[in-house]
Amino acid sequence: KMITFLLLLLLLLPLFLYIAAPQIRKILSRGVCTSTVQLPGKVAVVTGANTGIGKETAKELAQRGARVYLACRDVLKGELVAREIQTMTGNKQVLVRKLDLADTKSIRAFAKGFLAEEKHLHILINNAGVMMCPYTKTVDGFEMHMGVNHLGHFLLTHLLLEKLKESAPSRIVNVSSLAHHLGRIHFHDLQGEKFYNSGLAYCHSKLANILFTQELARRLKGSGITAYSVHPGTVKSELVRHSPFMKWMWWLFSFFIKTPQQGAQTSLYCAITEGLEVLSGHHFSDCSVAWVSAQARNETIARRLWDVSCDLLGIPVD
């Protein structure tokens, strides 16, 4: 009977999705950045901009006239995307620079080159990330999720902070996830050497993104720089490439999954919407302030994570 029921369910699922498709698309299209702000003369850096949400974010910023740096690990792929964006937007100021967030030397090299090349930086979107990787470590010995998703962006932001201050008003957007609700910061095992689960490791790193954003906003109060964390939604992207199960789930429930263009809306909203300064440090989803977990609201954990991150990266703790 159970097998019959499951077969019937599988047969009826496509019909249900077909019937429900208009309503599903309506729900997914909520949270659109409606700002008409133009960005001539503004400079933006988007990490992981050669695919998915990052690519769409960079394209929209270029469409509005910004000078956009695609900071990505795969430079050849980045060059192809840059030419595509240039063709689509007519904006030739779309540049590609090498950035491997799993290697602090690469991060420092990117920052050094950028600071030598540019006089300003108005928008930094920390978008790149990894998800559900088998246990591996970065070049510097950090667990891959925590190393790339949190520590890599922490260092990049630190290195570009003075330029952001000089260019104020400026904004920092950190792409997090609803998955942060399952995350915990295990200071005794931050690198997952005692226990490791690829799904939970991703959740931990996304919680770290929110805690970093809140502490960053607190420290930057009055500086002219504001910071926001965002949940882009469940988006069809290359992020699930390490998990065959997640790829299958994404395919099965494709009707419920946002396109990269839809997923980029909240990042754009936080990057360009006027009057958002009073909400610095807040978390956003569907272009609205969103609820975060109790862990994500814990200022003590946020401050300790800041200090530990500085220590791991060799940054003086102030």
Protein backbone atom coordinates (compact mmCIF):
# COMPACT_ATOMS: atom_id res chain seq x y z
CA LYS A 1 0.00 0.00 0.00
CA MET A 2 2.84 2.38 0.84
CA ILE A 3 4.51 1.76 -2.53
CA THR A 4 1.21 2.37 -4.33
CA PHE A 5 0.72 5.60 -2.39
CA LEU A 6 4.22 6.83 -3.25
CA LEU A 7 3.77 6.01 -6.93
CA LEU A 8 0.45 7.86 -6.95
CA LEU A 9 2.09 10.81 -5.25
CA LEU A 10 4.86 10.91 -7.85
CA LEU A 11 2.30 10.78 -10.66
CA LEU A 12 0.18 13.57 -9.18
CA LEU A 13 3.07 15.86 -8.21
CA PRO A 14 3.70 17.19 -11.75
CA LEU A 15 -0.03 17.92 -12.14
CA PHE A 16 -0.09 19.78 -8.83
CA LEU A 17 2.97 21.82 -9.79
CA TYR A 18 1.46 22.68 -13.17
CA ILE A 19 -1.79 23.87 -11.59
CA ALA A 20 -0.02 25.76 -8.81
CA ALA A 21 2.66 27.25 -11.05
CA PRO A 22 1.10 30.75 -11.44
CA GLN A 23 0.68 31.16 -7.68
CA ILE A 24 4.16 29.80 -7.00
CA ARG A 25 5.70 32.25 -9.46
CA LYS A 26 3.75 35.08 -7.82
CA ILE A 27 5.17 34.15 -4.40
CA LEU A 28 8.71 33.87 -5.76
CA SER A 29 8.49 37.25 -7.45
CA ARG A 30 7.82 39.03 -4.16
CA GLY A 31 10.63 41.19 -2.91
CA VAL A 32 11.73 43.11 -5.98
CA CYS A 33 14.16 46.00 -5.75
CA THR A 34 12.15 48.90 -7.19
CA SER A 35 14.77 51.59 -6.59
CA THR A 36 15.43 53.82 -9.60
CA VAL A 37 18.82 54.97 -8.24
CA GLN A 38 21.49 55.34 -10.91
CA LEU A 39 25.16 54.75 -10.09
CA PRO A 40 27.39 56.74 -12.48
CA GLY A 41 30.74 57.42 -10.83
CA LYS A 42 30.18 54.71 -8.22
CA VAL A 43 32.54 51.75 -7.79
CA ALA A 44 31.36 48.30 -6.71
CA VAL A 45 33.04 44.98 -5.92
CA VAL A 46 31.01 41.77 -6.12
CA THR A 47 32.63 38.50 -5.04
CA GLY A 48 31.65 35.31 -6.86
CA ALA A 49 30.27 37.41 -9.71
CA ASN A 50 30.98 34.94 -12.51
CA THR A 51 27.81 32.93 -11.86
CA GLY A 52 24.40 32.87 -10.18
CA ILE A 53 23.29 35.65 -7.84
CA GLY A 54 26.64 37.41 -8.05
CA LYS A 55 26.47 37.63 -11.82
CA GLU A 56 22.95 39.05 -11.75
CA THR A 57 23.88 41.52 -9.02
CA ALA A 58 26.89 42.73 -10.99
CA LYS A 59 24.79 43.02 -14.16
CA GLU A 60 22.20 45.20 -12.43
CA LEU A 61 24.86 47.46 -10.90
CA ALA A 62 26.50 47.83 -14.33
CA GLN A 63 23.09 48.57 -15.89
CA ARG A 64 22.81 51.50 -13.47
CA GLY A 65 26.16 52.89 -14.56
CA ALA A 66 28.54 51.69 -11.83
CA ARG A 67 32.12 50.62 -12.43
CA VAL A 68 31.91 46.97 -11.36
CA TYR A 69 34.68 44.59 -10.36
CA LEU A 70 33.90 40.89 -10.73
CA ALA A 71 36.07 39.34 -8.01
CA CYS A 72 36.23 35.64 -8.75
CA ARG A 73 38.42 32.56 -8.60
CA ASP A 74 37.88 31.52 -12.24
CA VAL A 75 39.20 34.49 -14.21
CA LEU A 76 38.52 32.97 -17.65
CA LYS A 77 34.88 32.37 -16.78
CA GLY A 78 34.78 35.84 -15.27
CA GLU A 79 36.03 37.40 -18.51
CA LEU A 80 33.25 35.69 -20.46
CA VAL A 81 30.65 37.00 -17.99
CA ALA A 82 32.17 40.49 -18.08
CA ARG A 83 31.88 40.62 -21.88
CA GLU A 84 28.30 39.38 -21.64
CA ILE A 85 27.41 42.10 -19.13
CA GLN A 86 29.18 44.75 -21.21
CA THR A 87 27.19 43.72 -24.27
CA MET A 88 23.86 43.60 -22.43
CA THR A 89 24.27 46.88 -20.53
CA GLY A 90 26.49 48.94 -22.83
CA ASN A 91 28.71 49.60 -19.82
CA LYS A 92 32.35 48.86 -20.63
CA GLN A 93 33.45 49.46 -17.04
CA VAL A 94 33.01 45.83 -16.00
CA LEU A 95 36.34 44.44 -14.86
CA VAL A 96 37.55 41.03 -13.70
CA ARG A 97 40.11 40.44 -10.99
CA LYS A 98 41.39 37.22 -9.44
CA LEU A 99 40.10 36.46 -5.94
CA ASP A 100 40.33 33.07 -4.24
CA LEU A 101 38.64 33.34 -0.84
CA ALA A 102 40.19 30.02 0.20
CA ASP A 103 43.66 31.61 0.15
CA THR A 104 44.51 34.67 2.25
CA LYS A 105 47.46 35.47 -0.04
CA SER A 106 45.04 35.77 -2.95
CA ILE A 107 42.72 37.98 -0.88
CA ARG A 108 45.58 40.27 0.09
CA ALA A 109 46.82 40.39 -3.52
CA PHE A 110 43.34 41.32 -4.77
CA ALA A 111 43.00 44.08 -2.17
CA LYS A 112 46.49 45.44 -2.89
CA GLY A 113 45.78 45.59 -6.63
CA PHE A 114 42.36 47.15 -6.16
CA LEU A 115 43.62 49.82 -3.76
CA ALA A 116 46.39 50.74 -6.20
CA GLU A 117 43.93 50.90 -9.10
CA GLU A 118 40.91 52.66 -7.59
CA LYS A 119 40.44 55.88 -5.65
CA HIS A 120 36.97 54.92 -4.40
CA LEU A 121 34.79 52.00 -3.30
CA HIS A 122 31.11 52.62 -2.64
CA ILE A 123 29.59 49.13 -2.65
CA LEU A 124 31.11 45.86 -1.44
CA ILE A 125 28.94 42.79 -1.91
CA ASN A 126 30.34 39.70 -0.19
CA ASN A 127 28.39 37.21 -2.25
CA ALA A 128 30.67 34.24 -2.99
CA GLY A 129 30.24 31.03 -1.04
CA VAL A 130 30.55 27.27 -0.85
CA MET A 131 27.93 24.80 0.34
CA MET A 132 27.97 21.21 1.59
CA CYS A 133 31.60 20.52 0.68
CA PRO A 134 33.21 17.27 1.79
CA TYR A 135 35.61 18.01 4.64
CA THR A 136 38.47 20.05 3.24
CA LYS A 137 40.58 22.93 4.42
CA THR A 138 41.61 26.20 2.83
CA VAL A 139 45.22 26.98 1.96
CA ASP A 140 45.57 28.49 5.43
CA GLY A 141 44.09 25.50 7.25
CA PHE A 142 40.56 26.76 7.88
CA GLU A 143 37.54 24.48 7.43
CA MET A 144 36.31 25.32 3.91
CA HIS A 145 32.86 26.74 4.77
CA MET A 146 34.07 28.88 7.65
CA GLY A 147 37.21 29.80 5.72
CA VAL A 148 35.54 30.93 2.49
CA ASN A 149 32.10 32.09 3.59
CA HIS A 150 33.16 33.92 6.74
CA LEU A 151 36.91 34.38 7.25
CA GLY A 152 37.68 35.13 3.59
CA HIS A 153 35.10 37.89 3.45
CA PHE A 154 36.07 39.11 6.92
CA LEU A 155 39.65 39.66 5.72
CA LEU A 156 38.58 41.19 2.40
CA THR A 157 36.29 43.66 4.18
CA HIS A 158 39.03 44.56 6.65
CA LEU A 159 41.50 45.28 3.85
CA LEU A 160 39.02 47.48 1.94
CA LEU A 161 37.54 49.26 4.95
CA GLU A 162 39.63 52.44 4.76
CA LYS A 163 38.74 52.87 1.09
CA LEU A 164 35.05 52.44 1.96
CA LYS A 165 35.40 55.08 4.70
CA GLU A 166 37.09 57.50 2.30
CA SER A 167 34.25 56.94 -0.19
CA ALA A 168 31.39 57.31 2.31
CA PRO A 169 28.47 57.01 2.14
CA SER A 170 29.20 53.41 1.26
CA ARG A 171 27.65 50.02 1.89
CA ILE A 172 28.62 46.44 2.65
CA VAL A 173 26.23 43.58 1.87
CA ASN A 174 26.93 40.09 3.23
CA VAL A 175 24.98 37.25 1.63
CA SER A 176 23.83 34.87 4.37
CA SER A 177 20.96 32.37 4.42
CA LEU A 178 17.83 31.23 6.24
CA ALA A 179 20.00 28.21 7.06
CA HIS A 180 21.66 30.30 9.78
CA HIS A 181 18.78 29.21 12.06
CA LEU A 182 20.45 25.79 12.28
CA GLY A 183 23.89 27.25 12.82
CA ARG A 184 25.99 27.45 15.99
CA ILE A 185 29.42 28.95 16.61
CA HIS A 186 31.45 26.20 18.27
CA PHE A 187 34.50 28.12 19.43
CA HIS A 188 36.05 24.91 20.77
CA ASP A 189 35.81 23.33 17.28
CA LEU A 190 35.61 26.17 14.78
CA GLN A 191 37.48 24.16 12.13
CA GLY A 192 35.26 21.07 12.46
CA GLU A 193 38.13 18.78 13.41
CA LYS A 194 36.21 17.05 16.23
CA PHE A 195 32.86 16.77 14.45
CA TYR A 196 31.90 17.56 10.88
CA ASN A 197 28.66 17.58 8.94
CA SER A 198 28.73 19.34 5.57
CA GLY A 199 25.17 20.66 5.88
CA LEU A 200 25.67 22.02 9.39
CA ALA A 201 29.06 23.48 8.47
CA TYR A 202 27.29 25.61 5.87
CA CYS A 203 24.71 26.71 8.47
CA HIS A 204 27.45 27.67 10.94
CA SER A 205 29.17 29.83 8.33
CA LYS A 206 25.92 31.58 7.43
CA LEU A 207 25.33 32.38 11.10
CA ALA A 208 28.85 33.80 11.19
CA ASN A 209 27.91 36.10 8.27
CA ILE A 210 25.06 37.63 10.27
CA LEU A 211 27.09 37.99 13.47
CA PHE A 212 29.89 39.63 11.47
CA THR A 213 27.41 42.05 9.89
CA GLN A 214 25.95 43.09 13.22
CA GLU A 215 29.31 43.62 14.90
CA LEU A 216 30.63 45.44 11.81
CA ALA A 217 27.62 47.78 11.83
CA ARG A 218 28.13 48.47 15.54
CA ARG A 219 31.81 49.31 15.05
CA LEU A 220 31.16 51.47 11.97
CA LYS A 221 28.38 53.56 13.49
CA GLY A 222 28.90 57.18 12.47
CA SER A 223 31.55 56.33 9.87
CA GLY A 224 29.30 56.69 6.84
CA ILE A 225 29.53 52.96 6.10
CA THR A 226 26.48 50.77 6.65
CA ALA A 227 26.30 46.98 6.58
CA TYR A 228 23.49 44.51 5.90
CA SER A 229 23.10 40.74 5.73
CA VAL A 230 20.64 39.11 3.34
CA HIS A 231 18.85 35.84 2.70
CA PRO A 232 18.49 35.64 -1.10
CA GLY A 233 15.91 32.85 -0.99
CA THR A 234 16.27 29.33 -2.30
CA VAL A 235 17.96 29.98 -5.63
CA LYS A 236 18.86 27.82 -8.61
CA SER A 237 22.64 28.17 -8.72
CA GLU A 238 25.94 26.26 -8.73
CA LEU A 239 26.06 26.41 -4.93
CA VAL A 240 24.72 22.85 -4.61
CA ARG A 241 27.35 21.37 -6.94
CA HIS A 242 28.94 19.34 -4.11
CA SER A 243 25.69 17.55 -3.18
CA PRO A 244 23.98 15.13 -5.62
CA PHE A 245 21.04 14.92 -3.20
CA MET A 246 20.56 18.71 -3.16
CA LYS A 247 20.87 18.87 -6.93
CA TRP A 248 18.10 16.26 -7.18
CA MET A 249 15.95 18.19 -4.70
CA TRP A 250 16.53 21.42 -6.61
CA TRP A 251 15.38 19.67 -9.80
CA LEU A 252 12.35 18.04 -8.15
CA PHE A 253 11.12 21.29 -6.62
CA SER A 254 12.32 23.61 -9.37
CA PHE A 255 8.93 25.37 -9.42
CA PHE A 256 9.59 26.57 -5.87
CA ILE A 257 13.11 27.83 -6.49
CA LYS A 258 14.04 31.38 -7.44
CA THR A 259 16.03 32.26 -10.52
CA PRO A 260 19.40 33.97 -9.90
CA GLN A 261 17.82 37.23 -11.08
CA GLN A 262 15.10 36.92 -8.43
CA GLY A 263 17.68 35.88 -5.85
CA ALA A 264 19.76 39.00 -6.48
CA GLN A 265 16.96 41.41 -5.60
CA THR A 266 17.57 41.69 -1.86
CA SER A 267 21.31 42.20 -2.30
CA LEU A 268 20.53 45.02 -4.74
CA TYR A 269 17.91 46.46 -2.39
CA CYS A 270 20.42 46.70 0.45
CA ALA A 271 23.16 48.02 -1.81
CA ILE A 272 21.29 50.91 -3.42
CA THR A 273 17.95 51.73 -1.78
CA GLU A 274 17.90 55.24 -0.35
CA GLY A 275 17.12 55.82 3.33
CA LEU A 276 18.28 52.40 4.50
CA GLU A 277 21.10 53.74 6.68
CA VAL A 278 19.02 53.61 9.89
CA LEU A 279 18.70 49.85 9.43
CA SER A 280 22.42 49.14 9.32
CA GLY A 281 23.21 45.77 10.90
CA HIS A 282 19.80 44.31 10.11
CA HIS A 283 19.06 41.13 8.19
CA PHE A 284 16.89 41.24 5.05
CA SER A 285 14.84 38.78 3.01
CA ASP A 286 12.56 39.60 0.06
CA CYS A 287 13.63 43.24 0.36
CA SER A 288 12.28 43.51 3.92
CA VAL A 289 13.77 43.24 7.39
CA ALA A 290 13.74 39.57 8.42
CA TRP A 291 13.80 37.70 11.71
CA VAL A 292 17.03 36.06 12.81
CA SER A 293 17.72 33.31 15.32
CA ALA A 294 18.50 33.92 19.01
CA GLN A 295 22.12 32.95 18.32
CA ALA A 296 22.29 35.56 15.57
CA ARG A 297 21.13 38.25 18.02
CA ASN A 298 23.74 37.40 20.65
CA GLU A 299 26.11 40.38 20.93
CA THR A 300 28.54 38.47 23.16
CA ILE A 301 28.99 35.75 20.54
CA ALA A 302 29.32 38.39 17.80
CA ARG A 303 32.10 40.21 19.65
CA ARG A 304 33.93 37.00 20.51
CA LEU A 305 33.69 35.77 16.91
CA TRP A 306 35.16 39.10 15.76
CA ASP A 307 38.13 38.72 18.11
CA VAL A 308 38.69 35.06 17.19
CA SER A 309 38.49 35.90 13.47
CA CYS A 310 41.08 38.66 13.89
CA ASP A 311 43.35 36.27 15.75
CA LEU A 312 43.06 33.55 13.07
CA LEU A 313 43.78 36.08 10.29
CA GLY A 314 46.58 37.91 12.03
CA ILE A 315 44.62 41.15 12.28
CA PRO A 316 45.31 43.30 15.36
CA VAL A 317 42.34 43.20 17.75
CA ASP A 318 41.21 46.72 18.62
